[in-house]
Amino acid sequence: MTDSAKLKLRNMLERFVRGDDRSIRFANEIEQYLDDNFRGTRLHEELIEPLATYRPGGGEFLVNENELVQQFEYAITQLKRSRTAKGCLCGESEFFE
C-alpha cells in the first residue's frame, strides 16, 4: 500500500471517530477501501469483520458505533506510528504486513 493510501484511510477513520459520518454507507466505503488497498495485511484482517457486521445501534452478533470507534482508534494509532519524525508516512510496521 502507498503512503497516500494510508493517509486517506486514516482520514476516513478519523471522520467516523469524530462522528461526522457513521452511516452504513460510509462504513461500506471504508470496507471497500480496505479491500482495494490493504488486503492481506493485519490491518485488513482486524477491521474487515467489524466493518462487515457494523450496524448503528448494534444488535445480536452486530457491532455498534462505540465498538467500531474503538477498533478505528487503535488503527489510527498504528497509522500515526508509521510516520517519520518529519511527518512523512514511511516504512511498513507489522500492522501493514
Protein backbone atom coordinates (compact mmCIF):
# COMPACT_ATOMS: atom_id res chain seq x y z
CA MET A 1 0.00 0.00 0.00
CA THR A 2 1.10 3.52 -0.67
CA ASP A 3 1.67 6.34 1.76
CA SER A 4 -1.26 8.22 0.24
CA ALA A 5 -3.50 5.16 0.79
CA LYS A 6 -2.52 5.11 4.48
CA LEU A 7 -3.26 8.81 4.80
CA LYS A 8 -6.61 8.52 3.06
CA LEU A 9 -7.63 5.57 5.26
CA ARG A 10 -6.58 7.48 8.38
CA ASN A 11 -8.71 10.44 7.29
CA MET A 12 -11.69 8.16 6.69
CA LEU A 13 -11.32 6.50 10.09
CA GLU A 14 -10.94 9.86 11.84
CA ARG A 15 -14.10 11.12 10.13
CA PHE A 16 -16.03 8.15 11.53
CA VAL A 17 -14.49 8.51 15.01
CA ARG A 18 -15.36 12.23 15.15
CA GLY A 19 -18.95 11.33 14.36
CA ASP A 20 -19.05 13.23 11.07
CA ASP A 21 -20.45 10.17 9.29
CA ARG A 22 -21.30 6.88 10.97
CA SER A 23 -23.68 5.64 8.32
CA ILE A 24 -23.65 2.10 6.98
CA ARG A 25 -22.92 3.60 3.56
CA PHE A 26 -19.72 5.24 4.84
CA ALA A 27 -18.69 2.07 6.72
CA ASN A 28 -19.13 0.21 3.42
CA GLU A 29 -16.87 2.77 1.70
CA ILE A 30 -14.20 2.17 4.33
CA GLU A 31 -14.60 -1.59 3.92
CA GLN A 32 -14.20 -1.31 0.14
CA TYR A 33 -11.15 0.94 0.52
CA LEU A 34 -9.56 -1.62 2.86
CA ASP A 35 -10.27 -4.40 0.35
CA ASP A 36 -8.81 -2.40 -2.52
CA ASN A 37 -5.68 -1.14 -0.76
CA PHE A 38 -4.87 -3.23 2.33
CA ARG A 39 -5.93 -6.81 1.53
CA GLY A 40 -3.58 -9.35 3.08
CA THR A 41 -2.44 -7.04 5.88
CA ARG A 42 -3.09 -7.37 9.59
CA LEU A 43 -4.92 -4.05 9.39
CA HIS A 44 -7.35 -5.54 6.89
CA GLU A 45 -7.77 -8.70 8.97
CA GLU A 46 -8.57 -6.76 12.14
CA LEU A 47 -11.04 -4.29 10.63
CA ILE A 48 -12.86 -6.16 7.90
CA GLU A 49 -15.11 -8.30 10.14
CA PRO A 50 -16.19 -5.44 12.45
CA LEU A 51 -16.96 -3.35 9.37
CA ALA A 52 -18.95 -6.16 7.77
CA THR A 53 -21.05 -6.62 10.91
CA TYR A 54 -21.48 -2.92 11.73
CA ARG A 55 -24.97 -1.53 12.28
CA PRO A 56 -25.77 1.71 14.09
CA GLY A 57 -27.18 0.66 17.43
CA GLY A 58 -25.68 -2.80 17.11
CA GLY A 59 -27.71 -5.85 17.98
CA GLU A 60 -27.15 -9.55 18.43
CA PHE A 61 -23.98 -10.53 16.53
CA LEU A 62 -23.60 -6.93 15.28
CA VAL A 63 -21.01 -4.25 16.03
CA ASN A 64 -22.27 -0.85 17.21
CA GLU A 65 -20.75 2.63 16.79
CA ASN A 66 -18.79 2.57 20.05
CA GLU A 67 -17.22 -0.81 19.30
CA LEU A 68 -16.21 0.29 15.81
CA VAL A 69 -14.82 3.59 17.13
CA GLN A 70 -12.56 1.61 19.50
CA GLN A 71 -11.27 -0.50 16.61
CA PHE A 72 -10.69 2.59 14.49
CA GLU A 73 -8.89 4.46 17.27
CA TYR A 74 -6.40 1.62 17.53
CA ALA A 75 -5.93 1.56 13.75
CA ILE A 76 -5.42 5.35 13.70
CA THR A 77 -2.71 4.96 16.36
CA GLN A 78 -0.96 2.39 14.17
CA LEU A 79 -1.25 4.63 11.11
CA LYS A 80 0.26 7.54 13.07
CA ARG A 81 3.14 5.33 14.24
CA SER A 82 4.06 4.66 10.63
CA ARG A 83 5.19 8.29 10.29
CA THR A 84 8.78 9.51 10.46
CA ALA A 85 9.86 12.42 12.62
CA LYS A 86 9.49 14.60 9.52
CA GLY A 87 5.80 13.70 9.35
CA CYS A 88 6.00 11.62 6.19
CA LEU A 89 4.42 8.22 6.01
CA CYS A 90 7.11 5.64 5.58
CA GLY A 91 8.09 2.02 6.01
CA GLU A 92 5.88 -0.85 6.97
CA SER A 93 5.11 -1.88 10.51
CA GLU A 94 3.81 -5.38 11.20
CA PHE A 95 0.32 -3.88 11.19
CA PHE A 96 0.64 -3.33 7.45
CA GLU A 97 2.16 -6.69 6.58
